[in-house]
PDB file of all heavy atoms in Angstrom:
ATOM      1  N   GLY A   1      29.491  48.725 -26.796  1.00  0.00           N
ATOM      2  CA  GLY A   1      28.171  48.247 -27.178  1.00  0.00           C
ATOM      3  C   GLY A   1      27.556  47.334 -26.129  1.00  0.00           C
ATOM      4  O   GLY A   1      26.348  47.402 -25.860  1.00  0.00           O
ATOM      5  N   MET A   2      28.372  46.484 -25.507  1.00  0.00           N
ATOM      6  CA  MET A   2      27.871  45.595 -24.457  1.00  0.00           C
ATOM      7  C   MET A   2      27.377  46.390 -23.258  1.00  0.00           C
ATOM      8  O   MET A   2      26.335  46.081 -22.678  1.00  0.00           O
ATOM      9  CB  MET A   2      28.965  44.609 -24.039  1.00  0.00           C
ATOM     10  CG  MET A   2      29.276  43.548 -25.075  1.00  0.00           C
ATOM     11  SD  MET A   2      30.673  42.499 -24.603  1.00  0.00           S
ATOM     12  CE  MET A   2      30.008  41.687 -23.145  1.00  0.00           C
ATOM     13  N   TRP A   3      28.111  47.441 -22.873  1.00  0.00           N
ATOM     14  CA  TRP A   3      27.698  48.262 -21.743  1.00  0.00           C
ATOM     15  C   TRP A   3      26.367  48.954 -22.029  1.00  0.00           C
ATOM     16  O   TRP A   3      25.468  48.988 -21.177  1.00  0.00           O
ATOM     17  CB  TRP A   3      28.769  49.311 -21.440  1.00  0.00           C
ATOM     18  CG  TRP A   3      28.459  50.108 -20.201  1.00  0.00           C
ATOM     19  CD1 TRP A   3      28.833  49.833 -18.922  1.00  0.00           C
ATOM     20  CD2 TRP A   3      27.703  51.335 -20.157  1.00  0.00           C
ATOM     21  NE1 TRP A   3      28.351  50.803 -18.080  1.00  0.00           N
ATOM     22  CE2 TRP A   3      27.656  51.747 -18.795  1.00  0.00           C
ATOM     23  CE3 TRP A   3      27.064  52.123 -21.123  1.00  0.00           C
ATOM     24  CZ2 TRP A   3      26.993  52.899 -18.393  1.00  0.00           C
ATOM     25  CZ3 TRP A   3      26.405  53.270 -20.718  1.00  0.00           C
ATOM     26  CH2 TRP A   3      26.374  53.650 -19.363  1.00  0.00           C
ATOM     27  N   ILE A   4      26.222  49.510 -23.230  1.00  0.00           N
ATOM     28  CA  ILE A   4      24.996  50.219 -23.594  1.00  0.00           C
ATOM     29  C   ILE A   4      23.793  49.278 -23.572  1.00  0.00           C
ATOM     30  O   ILE A   4      22.727  49.607 -23.014  1.00  0.00           O
ATOM     31  CB  ILE A   4      25.156  50.873 -24.975  1.00  0.00           C
ATOM     32  CG1 ILE A   4      26.198  51.991 -24.914  1.00  0.00           C
ATOM     33  CG2 ILE A   4      23.825  51.421 -25.477  1.00  0.00           C
ATOM     34  CD1 ILE A   4      26.603  52.535 -26.264  1.00  0.00           C
ATOM     35  N   ASN A   5      23.939  48.098 -24.169  1.00  0.00           N
ATOM     36  CA  ASN A   5      22.826  47.159 -24.210  1.00  0.00           C
ATOM     37  C   ASN A   5      22.549  46.534 -22.849  1.00  0.00           C
ATOM     38  O   ASN A   5      21.394  46.233 -22.521  1.00  0.00           O
ATOM     39  CB  ASN A   5      23.114  46.068 -25.251  1.00  0.00           C
ATOM     40  CG  ASN A   5      22.965  46.573 -26.670  1.00  0.00           C
ATOM     41  OD1 ASN A   5      21.864  46.737 -27.172  1.00  0.00           O
ATOM     42  ND2 ASN A   5      24.092  46.848 -27.328  1.00  0.00           N
ATOM     43  N   ALA A   6      23.580  46.332 -22.042  1.00  0.00           N
ATOM     44  CA  ALA A   6      23.372  45.849 -20.672  1.00  0.00           C
ATOM     45  C   ALA A   6      22.584  46.875 -19.862  1.00  0.00           C
ATOM     46  O   ALA A   6      21.748  46.502 -19.016  1.00  0.00           O
ATOM     47  CB  ALA A   6      24.715  45.546 -20.006  1.00  0.00           C
ATOM     48  N   PHE A   7      22.844  48.155 -20.110  1.00  0.00           N
ATOM     49  CA  PHE A   7      22.091  49.209 -19.429  1.00  0.00           C
ATOM     50  C   PHE A   7      20.608  49.131 -19.793  1.00  0.00           C
ATOM     51  O   PHE A   7      19.732  49.222 -18.915  1.00  0.00           O
ATOM     52  CB  PHE A   7      22.659  50.572 -19.811  1.00  0.00           C
ATOM     53  CG  PHE A   7      21.815  51.735 -19.379  1.00  0.00           C
ATOM     54  CD1 PHE A   7      21.846  52.178 -18.070  1.00  0.00           C
ATOM     55  CD2 PHE A   7      20.989  52.378 -20.292  1.00  0.00           C
ATOM     56  CE1 PHE A   7      21.054  53.236 -17.671  1.00  0.00           C
ATOM     57  CE2 PHE A   7      20.203  53.444 -19.897  1.00  0.00           C
ATOM     58  CZ  PHE A   7      20.232  53.872 -18.582  1.00  0.00           C
ATOM     59  N   ILE A   8      20.308  48.963 -21.088  1.00  0.00           N
ATOM     60  CA  ILE A   8      18.910  48.859 -21.525  1.00  0.00           C
ATOM     61  C   ILE A   8      18.223  47.675 -20.858  1.00  0.00           C
ATOM     62  O   ILE A   8      17.105  47.792 -20.320  1.00  0.00           O
ATOM     63  CB  ILE A   8      18.838  48.734 -23.059  1.00  0.00           C
ATOM     64  CG1 ILE A   8      19.302  50.033 -23.720  1.00  0.00           C
ATOM     65  CG2 ILE A   8      17.418  48.392 -23.508  1.00  0.00           C
ATOM     66  CD1 ILE A   8      19.345  49.955 -25.235  1.00  0.00           C
ATOM     67  N   VAL A   9      18.877  46.524 -20.873  1.00  0.00           N
ATOM     68  CA  VAL A   9      18.290  45.318 -20.288  1.00  0.00           C
ATOM     69  C   VAL A   9      18.065  45.479 -18.791  1.00  0.00           C
ATOM     70  O   VAL A   9      17.007  45.113 -18.251  1.00  0.00           O
ATOM     71  CB  VAL A   9      19.189  44.098 -20.579  1.00  0.00           C
ATOM     72  CG1 VAL A   9      18.684  42.862 -19.827  1.00  0.00           C
ATOM     73  CG2 VAL A   9      19.231  43.810 -22.077  1.00  0.00           C
ATOM     74  N   SER A  10      19.036  46.044 -18.090  1.00  0.00           N
ATOM     75  CA  SER A  10      18.922  46.192 -16.636  1.00  0.00           C
ATOM     76  C   SER A  10      17.793  47.150 -16.260  1.00  0.00           C
ATOM     77  O   SER A  10      17.028  46.877 -15.322  1.00  0.00           O
ATOM     78  CB  SER A  10      20.250  46.677 -16.052  1.00  0.00           C
ATOM     79  OG  SER A  10      20.614  47.939 -16.580  1.00  0.00           O
ATOM     80  N   VAL A  11      17.665  48.278 -16.980  1.00  0.00           N
ATOM     81  CA  VAL A  11      16.600  49.236 -16.687  1.00  0.00           C
ATOM     82  C   VAL A  11      15.232  48.618 -16.926  1.00  0.00           C
ATOM     83  O   VAL A  11      14.303  48.779 -16.114  1.00  0.00           O
ATOM     84  CB  VAL A  11      16.777  50.516 -17.533  1.00  0.00           C
ATOM     85  CG1 VAL A  11      15.546  51.421 -17.404  1.00  0.00           C
ATOM     86  CG2 VAL A  11      18.014  51.274 -17.100  1.00  0.00           C
ATOM     87  N   ILE A  12      15.088  47.890 -18.024  1.00  0.00           N
ATOM     88  CA  ILE A  12      13.801  47.270 -18.331  1.00  0.00           C
ATOM     89  C   ILE A  12      13.481  46.169 -17.316  1.00  0.00           C
ATOM     90  O   ILE A  12      12.317  46.004 -16.905  1.00  0.00           O
ATOM     91  CB  ILE A  12      13.805  46.714 -19.765  1.00  0.00           C
ATOM     92  CG1 ILE A  12      13.896  47.870 -20.762  1.00  0.00           C
ATOM     93  CG2 ILE A  12      12.540  45.897 -20.028  1.00  0.00           C
ATOM     94  CD1 ILE A  12      13.951  47.439 -22.206  1.00  0.00           C
ATOM     95  N   CYS A  13      14.484  45.416 -16.884  1.00  0.00           N
ATOM     96  CA  CYS A  13      14.251  44.381 -15.873  1.00  0.00           C
ATOM     97  C   CYS A  13      13.816  44.993 -14.543  1.00  0.00           C
ATOM     98  O   CYS A  13      12.935  44.458 -13.862  1.00  0.00           O
ATOM     99  CB  CYS A  13      15.512  43.535 -15.686  1.00  0.00           C
ATOM    100  SG  CYS A  13      15.861  42.405 -17.043  1.00  0.00           S
ATOM    101  N   VAL A  14      14.427  46.123 -14.167  1.00  0.00           N
ATOM    102  CA  VAL A  14      14.007  46.821 -12.947  1.00  0.00           C
ATOM    103  C   VAL A  14      12.566  47.301 -13.075  1.00  0.00           C
ATOM    104  O   VAL A  14      11.753  47.184 -12.140  1.00  0.00           O
ATOM    105  CB  VAL A  14      14.963  48.004 -12.654  1.00  0.00           C
ATOM    106  CG1 VAL A  14      14.400  48.875 -11.528  1.00  0.00           C
ATOM    107  CG2 VAL A  14      16.341  47.492 -12.273  1.00  0.00           C
ATOM    108  N   THR A  15      12.227  47.834 -14.250  1.00  0.00           N
ATOM    109  CA  THR A  15      10.849  48.266 -14.505  1.00  0.00           C
ATOM    110  C   THR A  15       9.894  47.090 -14.431  1.00  0.00           C
ATOM    111  O   THR A  15       8.772  47.212 -13.899  1.00  0.00           O
ATOM    112  CB  THR A  15      10.756  48.937 -15.887  1.00  0.00           C
ATOM    113  OG1 THR A  15      11.678  50.026 -15.962  1.00  0.00           O
ATOM    114  CG2 THR A  15       9.352  49.449 -16.147  1.00  0.00           C
ATOM    115  N   TRP A  16      10.318  45.964 -14.956  1.00  0.00           N
ATOM    116  CA  TRP A  16       9.501  44.746 -14.934  1.00  0.00           C
ATOM    117  C   TRP A  16       9.226  44.308 -13.497  1.00  0.00           C
ATOM    118  O   TRP A  16       8.105  43.927 -13.145  1.00  0.00           O
ATOM    119  CB  TRP A  16      10.225  43.652 -15.705  1.00  0.00           C
ATOM    120  CG  TRP A  16       9.387  42.443 -15.988  1.00  0.00           C
ATOM    121  CD1 TRP A  16       8.066  42.248 -15.687  1.00  0.00           C
ATOM    122  CD2 TRP A  16       9.814  41.261 -16.664  1.00  0.00           C
ATOM    123  NE1 TRP A  16       7.639  41.031 -16.121  1.00  0.00           N
ATOM    124  CE2 TRP A  16       8.701  40.397 -16.724  1.00  0.00           C
ATOM    125  CE3 TRP A  16      11.036  40.860 -17.211  1.00  0.00           C
ATOM    126  CZ2 TRP A  16       8.789  39.138 -17.310  1.00  0.00           C
ATOM    127  CZ3 TRP A  16      11.098  39.611 -17.805  1.00  0.00           C
ATOM    128  CH2 TRP A  16      10.000  38.756 -17.851  1.00  0.00           C
ATOM    129  N   VAL A  17      10.247  44.350 -12.670  1.00  0.00           N
ATOM    130  CA  VAL A  17      10.078  43.949 -11.264  1.00  0.00           C
ATOM    131  C   VAL A  17       9.126  44.902 -10.539  1.00  0.00           C
ATOM    132  O   VAL A  17       8.286  44.473  -9.729  1.00  0.00           O
ATOM    133  CB  VAL A  17      11.448  43.903 -10.558  1.00  0.00           C
ATOM    134  CG1 VAL A  17      11.271  43.696  -9.052  1.00  0.00           C
ATOM    135  CG2 VAL A  17      12.314  42.801 -11.147  1.00  0.00           C
ATOM    136  N   ARG A  18       9.233  46.189 -10.817  1.00  0.00           N
ATOM    137  CA  ARG A  18       8.397  47.177 -10.131  1.00  0.00           C
ATOM    138  C   ARG A  18       6.947  47.130 -10.596  1.00  0.00           C
ATOM    139  O   ARG A  18       6.014  47.146  -9.784  1.00  0.00           O
ATOM    140  CB  ARG A  18       8.974  48.573 -10.356  1.00  0.00           C
ATOM    141  CG  ARG A  18      10.274  48.837  -9.613  1.00  0.00           C
ATOM    142  CD  ARG A  18      10.782  50.244  -9.891  1.00  0.00           C
ATOM    143  NE  ARG A  18      12.012  50.525  -9.148  1.00  0.00           N
ATOM    144  CZ  ARG A  18      12.696  51.656  -9.247  1.00  0.00           C
ATOM    145  NH1 ARG A  18      12.272  52.625 -10.067  1.00  0.00           N
ATOM    146  NH2 ARG A  18      13.804  51.834  -8.543  1.00  0.00           N
ATOM    147  N   LYS A  19       6.744  47.083 -11.911  1.00  0.00           N
ATOM    148  CA  LYS A  19       5.383  47.135 -12.448  1.00  0.00           C
ATOM    149  C   LYS A  19       4.739  45.762 -12.590  1.00  0.00           C
ATOM    150  O   LYS A  19       3.535  45.669 -12.846  1.00  0.00           O
ATOM    151  CB  LYS A  19       5.397  47.819 -13.816  1.00  0.00           C
ATOM    152  CG  LYS A  19       5.869  49.268 -13.784  1.00  0.00           C
ATOM    153  CD  LYS A  19       5.546  49.992 -15.070  1.00  0.00           C
ATOM    154  CE  LYS A  19       5.963  49.245 -16.311  1.00  0.00           C
ATOM    155  NZ  LYS A  19       5.666  49.981 -17.557  1.00  0.00           N
ATOM    156  N   LYS A  20       5.532  44.702 -12.485  1.00  0.00           N
ATOM    157  CA  LYS A  20       5.052  43.325 -12.656  1.00  0.00           C
ATOM    158  C   LYS A  20       4.603  43.026 -14.079  1.00  0.00           C
ATOM    159  O   LYS A  20       4.060  41.962 -14.350  1.00  0.00           O
ATOM    160  CB  LYS A  20       3.894  43.005 -11.685  1.00  0.00           C
ATOM    161  CG  LYS A  20       4.181  43.315 -10.221  1.00  0.00           C
ATOM    162  CD  LYS A  20       5.340  42.506  -9.686  1.00  0.00           C
ATOM    163  CE  LYS A  20       5.578  42.802  -8.208  1.00  0.00           C
ATOM    164  NZ  LYS A  20       6.739  42.056  -7.672  1.00  0.00           N
ATOM    165  N   THR A  21       4.809  43.965 -14.978  1.00  0.00           N
ATOM    166  CA  THR A  21       4.427  43.754 -16.375  1.00  0.00           C
ATOM    167  C   THR A  21       5.252  44.673 -17.267  1.00  0.00           C
ATOM    168  O   THR A  21       5.867  45.630 -16.798  1.00  0.00           O
ATOM    169  CB  THR A  21       2.923  44.046 -16.581  1.00  0.00           C
ATOM    170  OG1 THR A  21       2.564  43.744 -17.934  1.00  0.00           O
ATOM    171  CG2 THR A  21       2.621  45.502 -16.292  1.00  0.00           C
ATOM    172  N   LEU A  22       5.255  44.364 -18.569  1.00  0.00           N
ATOM    173  CA  LEU A  22       5.964  45.173 -19.558  1.00  0.00           C
ATOM    174  C   LEU A  22       5.036  45.471 -20.718  1.00  0.00           C
ATOM    175  O   LEU A  22       4.235  44.616 -21.125  1.00  0.00           O
ATOM    176  CB  LEU A  22       7.212  44.447 -20.073  1.00  0.00           C
ATOM    177  CG  LEU A  22       8.372  44.221 -19.108  1.00  0.00           C
ATOM    178  CD1 LEU A  22       9.454  43.399 -19.785  1.00  0.00           C
ATOM    179  CD2 LEU A  22       8.950  45.538 -18.622  1.00  0.00           C
ATOM    180  N   ASN A  23       5.144  46.679 -21.280  1.00  0.00           N
ATOM    181  CA  ASN A  23       4.387  46.961 -22.497  1.00  0.00           C
ATOM    182  C   ASN A  23       5.122  46.383 -23.700  1.00  0.00           C
ATOM    183  O   ASN A  23       6.244  45.863 -23.582  1.00  0.00           O
ATOM    184  CB  ASN A  23       4.144  48.468 -22.653  1.00  0.00           C
ATOM    185  CG  ASN A  23       5.429  49.276 -22.692  1.00  0.00           C
ATOM    186  OD1 ASN A  23       6.420  48.866 -23.305  1.00  0.00           O
ATOM    187  ND2 ASN A  23       5.431  50.433 -22.042  1.00  0.00           N
ATOM    188  N   SER A  24       4.505  46.468 -24.857  1.00  0.00           N
ATOM    189  CA  SER A  24       5.057  45.824 -26.058  1.00  0.00           C
ATOM    190  C   SER A  24       6.399  46.409 -26.450  1.00  0.00           C
ATOM    191  O   SER A  24       7.322  45.681 -26.847  1.00  0.00           O
ATOM    192  CB  SER A  24       4.066  45.960 -27.218  1.00  0.00           C
ATOM    193  OG  SER A  24       2.854  45.311 -26.922  1.00  0.00           O
ATOM    194  N   ASN A  25       6.537  47.731 -26.345  1.00  0.00           N
ATOM    195  CA  ASN A  25       7.793  48.382 -26.689  1.00  0.00           C
ATOM    196  C   ASN A  25       8.923  47.898 -25.788  1.00  0.00           C
ATOM    197  O   ASN A  25      10.042  47.614 -26.249  1.00  0.00           O
ATOM    198  CB  ASN A  25       7.641  49.900 -26.575  1.00  0.00           C
ATOM    199  CG  ASN A  25       8.880  50.647 -27.001  1.00  0.00           C
ATOM    200  OD1 ASN A  25       9.485  50.352 -28.022  1.00  0.00           O
ATOM    201  ND2 ASN A  25       9.278  51.619 -26.201  1.00  0.00           N
ATOM    202  N   GLU A  26       8.658  47.772 -24.502  1.00  0.00           N
ATOM    203  CA  GLU A  26       9.670  47.314 -23.554  1.00  0.00           C
ATOM    204  C   GLU A  26      10.047  45.860 -23.796  1.00  0.00           C
ATOM    205  O   GLU A  26      11.205  45.471 -23.621  1.00  0.00           O
ATOM    206  CB  GLU A  26       9.162  47.507 -22.124  1.00  0.00           C
ATOM    207  CG  GLU A  26       9.065  48.967 -21.707  1.00  0.00           C
ATOM    208  CD  GLU A  26       8.334  49.162 -20.400  1.00  0.00           C
ATOM    209  OE1 GLU A  26       7.521  48.277 -20.040  1.00  0.00           O
ATOM    210  OE2 GLU A  26       8.550  50.185 -19.737  1.00  0.00           O
TER     211      GLU A  26
END
């Protein structure tokens, strides 16, 4: 479970860095 949730957090953080913003779902 920790690996799965760490994957979600890491992908969203990478998206955040690239787009400089996050939508509500993210």
